[in-house]
Amino acid sequence: MLSEFATLMLYQIGNIAAVEALSTVRQSRTFNILPVGKATFDAACEEFERVPVDIE
């Protein structure tokens, strides 16, 4: 999720702002890193593919 945020920031507002935003989030006391294994990641991908969402 954080990497997606950083990528979006990079393309929308540029490298410097994206790096600053990423650094701010990572240094936050309220941000928790929850590592997941391949099985959990695969299950999340399957769930994402299964649930249709209309975004306009």
PDB file of N, CA and C in Angstrom:
ATOM      1  N   MET A   1       0.824  -1.189   0.000  1.00  0.00           N
ATOM      2  CA  MET A   1       0.000   0.000   0.000  1.00  0.00           C
ATOM      3  C   MET A   1       0.873   1.259   0.000  1.00  0.00           C
ATOM      4  N   LEU A   2       1.891   1.238   0.809  1.00  0.00           N
ATOM      5  CA  LEU A   2       2.756   2.412   0.881  1.00  0.00           C
ATOM      6  C   LEU A   2       3.497   2.630  -0.434  1.00  0.00           C
ATOM      7  N   SER A   3       3.922   1.557  -1.069  1.00  0.00           N
ATOM      8  CA  SER A   3       4.626   1.717  -2.344  1.00  0.00           C
ATOM      9  C   SER A   3       3.694   2.274  -3.417  1.00  0.00           C
ATOM     10  N   GLU A   4       2.423   1.886  -3.374  1.00  0.00           N
ATOM     11  CA  GLU A   4       1.449   2.429  -4.326  1.00  0.00           C
ATOM     12  C   GLU A   4       1.247   3.923  -4.090  1.00  0.00           C
ATOM     13  N   PHE A   5       1.170   4.305  -2.828  1.00  0.00           N
ATOM     14  CA  PHE A   5       1.050   5.719  -2.477  1.00  0.00           C
ATOM     15  C   PHE A   5       2.258   6.497  -2.998  1.00  0.00           C
ATOM     16  N   ALA A   6       3.446   5.963  -2.773  1.00  0.00           N
ATOM     17  CA  ALA A   6       4.665   6.641  -3.207  1.00  0.00           C
ATOM     18  C   ALA A   6       4.717   6.765  -4.725  1.00  0.00           C
ATOM     19  N   THR A   7       4.306   5.720  -5.425  1.00  0.00           N
ATOM     20  CA  THR A   7       4.295   5.760  -6.887  1.00  0.00           C
ATOM     21  C   THR A   7       3.308   6.802  -7.395  1.00  0.00           C
ATOM     22  N   LEU A   8       2.122   6.833  -6.810  1.00  0.00           N
ATOM     23  CA  LEU A   8       1.126   7.831  -7.196  1.00  0.00           C
ATOM     24  C   LEU A   8       1.658   9.244  -6.967  1.00  0.00           C
ATOM     25  N   MET A   9       2.269   9.458  -5.812  1.00  0.00           N
ATOM     26  CA  MET A   9       2.841  10.769  -5.504  1.00  0.00           C
ATOM     27  C   MET A   9       3.925  11.130  -6.517  1.00  0.00           C
ATOM     28  N   LEU A  10       4.767  10.173  -6.860  1.00  0.00           N
ATOM     29  CA  LEU A  10       5.846  10.415  -7.813  1.00  0.00           C
ATOM     30  C   LEU A  10       5.297  10.919  -9.144  1.00  0.00           C
ATOM     31  N   TYR A  11       4.279  10.242  -9.658  1.00  0.00           N
ATOM     32  CA  TYR A  11       3.725  10.618 -10.958  1.00  0.00           C
ATOM     33  C   TYR A  11       2.859  11.874 -10.902  1.00  0.00           C
ATOM     34  N   GLN A  12       2.238  12.127  -9.766  1.00  0.00           N
ATOM     35  CA  GLN A  12       1.333  13.274  -9.676  1.00  0.00           C
ATOM     36  C   GLN A  12       2.041  14.578  -9.304  1.00  0.00           C
ATOM     37  N   ILE A  13       3.017  14.499  -8.388  1.00  0.00           N
ATOM     38  CA  ILE A  13       3.619  15.752  -7.907  1.00  0.00           C
ATOM     39  C   ILE A  13       5.140  15.799  -7.981  1.00  0.00           C
ATOM     40  N   GLY A  14       5.770  14.694  -8.380  1.00  0.00           N
ATOM     41  CA  GLY A  14       7.214  14.727  -8.584  1.00  0.00           C
ATOM     42  C   GLY A  14       8.015  14.012  -7.509  1.00  0.00           C
ATOM     43  N   ASN A  15       9.290  13.832  -7.836  1.00  0.00           N
ATOM     44  CA  ASN A  15      10.190  13.039  -7.007  1.00  0.00           C
ATOM     45  C   ASN A  15      10.420  13.620  -5.621  1.00  0.00           C
ATOM     46  N   ILE A  16      10.749  14.875  -5.538  1.00  0.00           N
ATOM     47  CA  ILE A  16      11.095  15.477  -4.243  1.00  0.00           C
ATOM     48  C   ILE A  16       9.928  15.380  -3.270  1.00  0.00           C
ATOM     49  N   ALA A  17       8.739  15.759  -3.711  1.00  0.00           N
ATOM     50  CA  ALA A  17       7.564  15.698  -2.840  1.00  0.00           C
ATOM     51  C   ALA A  17       7.224  14.258  -2.476  1.00  0.00           C
ATOM     52  N   ALA A  18       7.391  13.332  -3.424  1.00  0.00           N
ATOM     53  CA  ALA A  18       7.096  11.924  -3.148  1.00  0.00           C
ATOM     54  C   ALA A  18       8.043  11.366  -2.096  1.00  0.00           C
ATOM     55  N   VAL A  19       9.317  11.686  -2.206  1.00  0.00           N
ATOM     56  CA  VAL A  19      10.301  11.224  -1.224  1.00  0.00           C
ATOM     57  C   VAL A  19      10.001  11.816   0.148  1.00  0.00           C
ATOM     58  N   GLU A  20       9.653  13.085   0.195  1.00  0.00           N
ATOM     59  CA  GLU A  20       9.316  13.724   1.471  1.00  0.00           C
ATOM     60  C   GLU A  20       8.071  13.090   2.092  1.00  0.00           C
ATOM     61  N   ALA A  21       7.060  12.837   1.273  1.00  0.00           N
ATOM     62  CA  ALA A  21       5.829  12.221   1.783  1.00  0.00           C
ATOM     63  C   ALA A  21       6.101  10.817   2.302  1.00  0.00           C
ATOM     64  N   LEU A  22       6.853  10.035   1.548  1.00  0.00           N
ATOM     65  CA  LEU A  22       7.192   8.675   1.965  1.00  0.00           C
ATOM     66  C   LEU A  22       7.975   8.692   3.274  1.00  0.00           C
ATOM     67  N   SER A  23       8.929   9.580   3.375  1.00  0.00           N
ATOM     68  CA  SER A  23       9.724   9.698   4.595  1.00  0.00           C
ATOM     69  C   SER A  23       8.859  10.094   5.789  1.00  0.00           C
ATOM     70  N   THR A  24       7.958  11.032   5.587  1.00  0.00           N
ATOM     71  CA  THR A  24       7.062  11.474   6.660  1.00  0.00           C
ATOM     72  C   THR A  24       6.192  10.331   7.159  1.00  0.00           C
ATOM     73  N   VAL A  25       5.622   9.576   6.233  1.00  0.00           N
ATOM     74  CA  VAL A  25       4.770   8.448   6.623  1.00  0.00           C
ATOM     75  C   VAL A  25       5.587   7.407   7.384  1.00  0.00           C
ATOM     76  N   ARG A  26       6.758   7.068   6.888  1.00  0.00           N
ATOM     77  CA  ARG A  26       7.578   6.028   7.532  1.00  0.00           C
ATOM     78  C   ARG A  26       8.054   6.443   8.919  1.00  0.00           C
ATOM     79  N   GLN A  27       8.229   7.733   9.145  1.00  0.00           N
ATOM     80  CA  GLN A  27       8.688   8.216  10.443  1.00  0.00           C
ATOM     81  C   GLN A  27       7.547   8.430  11.434  1.00  0.00           C
ATOM     82  N   SER A  28       6.332   8.341  10.965  1.00  0.00           N
ATOM     83  CA  SER A  28       5.170   8.566  11.814  1.00  0.00           C
ATOM     84  C   SER A  28       5.058   7.491  12.889  1.00  0.00           C
ATOM     85  N   ARG A  29       4.682   7.893  14.072  1.00  0.00           N
ATOM     86  CA  ARG A  29       4.492   6.931  15.164  1.00  0.00           C
ATOM     87  C   ARG A  29       3.205   6.135  14.998  1.00  0.00           C
ATOM     88  N   THR A  30       2.332   6.588  14.115  1.00  0.00           N
ATOM     89  CA  THR A  30       1.056   5.896  13.929  1.00  0.00           C
ATOM     90  C   THR A  30       1.061   4.966  12.719  1.00  0.00           C
ATOM     91  N   PHE A  31       2.178   4.877  12.020  1.00  0.00           N
ATOM     92  CA  PHE A  31       2.287   4.003  10.853  1.00  0.00           C
ATOM     93  C   PHE A  31       2.872   2.669  11.286  1.00  0.00           C
ATOM     94  N   ASN A  32       2.205   1.592  10.934  1.00  0.00           N
ATOM     95  CA  ASN A  32       2.685   0.253  11.277  1.00  0.00           C
ATOM     96  C   ASN A  32       2.974  -0.538  10.012  1.00  0.00           C
ATOM     97  N   ILE A  33       4.135  -1.171   9.979  1.00  0.00           N
ATOM     98  CA  ILE A  33       4.482  -2.050   8.868  1.00  0.00           C
ATOM     99  C   ILE A  33       4.012  -3.446   9.224  1.00  0.00           C
ATOM    100  N   LEU A  34       3.167  -3.997   8.364  1.00  0.00           N
ATOM    101  CA  LEU A  34       2.648  -5.343   8.569  1.00  0.00           C
ATOM    102  C   LEU A  34       3.121  -6.220   7.418  1.00  0.00           C
ATOM    103  N   PRO A  35       4.239  -6.912   7.610  1.00  0.00           N
ATOM    104  CA  PRO A  35       4.734  -7.753   6.524  1.00  0.00           C
ATOM    105  C   PRO A  35       3.785  -8.924   6.272  1.00  0.00           C
ATOM    106  N   VAL A  36       3.620  -9.262   5.012  1.00  0.00           N
ATOM    107  CA  VAL A  36       2.772 -10.398   4.657  1.00  0.00           C
ATOM    108  C   VAL A  36       3.565 -11.355   3.788  1.00  0.00           C
ATOM    109  N   GLY A  37       3.237 -12.614   3.912  1.00  0.00           N
ATOM    110  CA  GLY A  37       3.879 -13.626   3.090  1.00  0.00           C
ATOM    111  C   GLY A  37       3.192 -13.744   1.746  1.00  0.00           C
ATOM    112  N   LYS A  38       3.747 -14.580   0.895  1.00  0.00           N
ATOM    113  CA  LYS A  38       3.204 -14.767  -0.447  1.00  0.00           C
ATOM    114  C   LYS A  38       1.766 -15.264  -0.408  1.00  0.00           C
ATOM    115  N   ALA A  39       1.448 -16.187   0.478  1.00  0.00           N
ATOM    116  CA  ALA A  39       0.088 -16.734   0.547  1.00  0.00           C
ATOM    117  C   ALA A  39      -0.930 -15.644   0.885  1.00  0.00           C
ATOM    118  N   THR A  40      -0.599 -14.786   1.834  1.00  0.00           N
ATOM    119  CA  THR A  40      -1.497 -13.697   2.211  1.00  0.00           C
ATOM    120  C   THR A  40      -1.648 -12.701   1.073  1.00  0.00           C
ATOM    121  N   PHE A  41      -0.538 -12.370   0.429  1.00  0.00           N
ATOM    122  CA  PHE A  41      -0.584 -11.447  -0.697  1.00  0.00           C
ATOM    123  C   PHE A  41      -1.420 -12.020  -1.837  1.00  0.00           C
ATOM    124  N   ASP A  42      -1.220 -13.297  -2.148  1.00  0.00           N
ATOM    125  CA  ASP A  42      -1.994 -13.947  -3.209  1.00  0.00           C
ATOM    126  C   ASP A  42      -3.486 -13.953  -2.882  1.00  0.00           C
ATOM    127  N   ALA A  43      -3.830 -14.209  -1.623  1.00  0.00           N
ATOM    128  CA  ALA A  43      -5.238 -14.205  -1.211  1.00  0.00           C
ATOM    129  C   ALA A  43      -5.844 -12.813  -1.369  1.00  0.00           C
ATOM    130  N   ALA A  44      -5.088 -11.788  -1.022  1.00  0.00           N
ATOM    131  CA  ALA A  44      -5.572 -10.413  -1.180  1.00  0.00           C
ATOM    132  C   ALA A  44      -5.778 -10.083  -2.657  1.00  0.00           C
ATOM    133  N   CYS A  45      -4.871 -10.531  -3.503  1.00  0.00           N
ATOM    134  CA  CYS A  45      -5.010 -10.297  -4.948  1.00  0.00           C
ATOM    135  C   CYS A  45      -6.249 -10.994  -5.491  1.00  0.00           C
ATOM    136  N   GLU A  46      -6.481 -12.216  -5.053  1.00  0.00           N
ATOM    137  CA  GLU A  46      -7.662 -12.955  -5.497  1.00  0.00           C
ATOM    138  C   GLU A  46      -8.943 -12.250  -5.053  1.00  0.00           C
ATOM    139  N   GLU A  47      -8.964 -11.755  -3.835  1.00  0.00           N
ATOM    140  CA  GLU A  47     -10.133 -11.033  -3.325  1.00  0.00           C
ATOM    141  C   GLU A  47     -10.355  -9.756  -4.131  1.00  0.00           C
ATOM    142  N   PHE A  48      -9.278  -9.056  -4.417  1.00  0.00           N
ATOM    143  CA  PHE A  48      -9.364  -7.828  -5.196  1.00  0.00           C
ATOM    144  C   PHE A  48      -9.935  -8.103  -6.583  1.00  0.00           C
ATOM    145  N   GLU A  49      -9.482  -9.182  -7.210  1.00  0.00           N
ATOM    146  CA  GLU A  49      -9.959  -9.540  -8.549  1.00  0.00           C
ATOM    147  C   GLU A  49     -11.419  -9.995  -8.525  1.00  0.00           C
ATOM    148  N   ARG A  50     -11.850 -10.574  -7.428  1.00  0.00           N
ATOM    149  CA  ARG A  50     -13.190 -11.141  -7.315  1.00  0.00           C
ATOM    150  C   ARG A  50     -14.269 -10.076  -7.136  1.00  0.00           C
ATOM    151  N   VAL A  51     -13.959  -9.009  -6.452  1.00  0.00           N
ATOM    152  CA  VAL A  51     -14.957  -7.993  -6.103  1.00  0.00           C
ATOM    153  C   VAL A  51     -14.950  -6.878  -7.148  1.00  0.00           C
ATOM    154  N   PRO A  52     -16.028  -6.766  -7.945  1.00  0.00           N
ATOM    155  CA  PRO A  52     -16.076  -5.695  -8.944  1.00  0.00           C
ATOM    156  C   PRO A  52     -16.355  -4.337  -8.296  1.00  0.00           C
ATOM    157  N   VAL A  53     -15.668  -3.334  -8.773  1.00  0.00           N
ATOM    158  CA  VAL A  53     -15.865  -1.973  -8.276  1.00  0.00           C
ATOM    159  C   VAL A  53     -15.945  -1.046  -9.483  1.00  0.00           C
ATOM    160  N   ASP A  54     -16.982  -0.243  -9.521  1.00  0.00           N
ATOM    161  CA  ASP A  54     -17.121   0.739 -10.594  1.00  0.00           C
ATOM    162  C   ASP A  54     -16.577   2.074 -10.113  1.00  0.00           C
ATOM    163  N   ILE A  55     -15.543   2.548 -10.781  1.00  0.00           N
ATOM    164  CA  ILE A  55     -14.961   3.853 -10.451  1.00  0.00           C
ATOM    165  C   ILE A  55     -15.083   4.725 -11.690  1.00  0.00           C
ATOM    166  N   GLU A  56     -15.731   5.845 -11.516  1.00  0.00           N
ATOM    167  CA  GLU A  56     -15.911   6.754 -12.658  1.00  0.00           C
ATOM    168  C   GLU A  56     -15.279   8.076 -12.378  1.00  0.00           C
TER     169      GLU A  56
END
